[in-house]
Amino acid sequence: MGFKRTLLFLSLVISTYSIFAQDQPLALISYASDKDVLVIRNNKKLVFDDPIGLVLYAGDQIQTGRGVTTEIQFSKPAGILKMTENTTLVIEKLKTDTTINIRLIYGRIRTKITKLSGTESFSITSAQAVAGVRGTDFGFEVLTPRVALNPMPVTKVYCFDGQVLVTAYIDVSSGSAEKLETVPKEFTIAPNEMVVIERKDSKTVASQQKLEYGLKEFWDTQPYMTTTPPEENSSNPNEEYLPKLTFSQDIEKPQENTGEANVLVVNDEVFKNRVLATSRLKDAGILGSILLSAAGISLKGLGWY
């Protein structure tokens, strides 16, 4: 009987902590060129009058409509993510509120992140790649070429400032001419460089290249719109800066549509598994905590260490 009570107690503690962890704000929509922005939470479409100012949580899926751009402002790590039209992504946290992953389903985004500190991390993931940064301005896109016999999405990661570590998932022969194995391949790109991951001859391949003509010109027409005054003690008041967010404890949440939304791949684990695999290569010691966090459990939150 005592064992059952212990299990019941642990279940209640874990469930309570899981709910609490999911309710921690991670970002907000700081700019939208129009109202055609769809936010899906818990498989339901949110109902709101204006997307600007909408607080975002782990698991939220954001989609922009045709001709609509939007910007998402993060608190920790501090940064801005710009979404162009017809883009879909999911905000995820891997371990804590300061370990953010953006799962890009389709479209084109650009992100400017401040220099990370402590346990902060920021990454962007697609089906073909993981990009990790420590203070960078870079772009990431998953688009289908308009001219192709058998169109398959092409992933491109490119750097404007700082450095980006890109882990591409490519196909290699595994002892048999007919059998292919997917393995990670790492690249480090500097400003004006890019990594392209695409399908060629029935295989996924990756290559490091110079920045493709037209990409910088495109983003020059899509400047960041989110700005805040620089800090008073800044050594250079005219330098570029990124906003810092603080969230109130009492946040008004938008209503959820009672009908089920057309969720794309909110429950797909492929992306998170690849982020975890990349993290394992970097620091095997944090793997257990990441996996437990993905299940809604935190040893620290339970007071076990």
Foldseek 3Di string as FASTA:
>chain_A
DVVVVVVVVVVVLLVVLLVVQQPDFFKAWQDKPDQQKWKADPQFTFDDDHRHGATDTALIKIAAAPQMKTWIAGAAQGKIKIFGHGWIWGWHAQFHSQAIEIETEFGKMKMFTAAHDDPHWYWYWYLFKIKTDRGFTKMWGWYWDPDDPDTDTKIKIAGAADKIKMWGWWWDDDPDPPDTDTDTDIDIDHHQKMKIWDDDPNITDIDIGGRDPPPVVVCVVVDDDDDDQDDPPDPDRPDDDTDHDDDDPDDDHTDTDPDRDPDDPSPDCSGVVVVLVVVCVVPVVCSVSSVCVVVSDHCVSVVVD
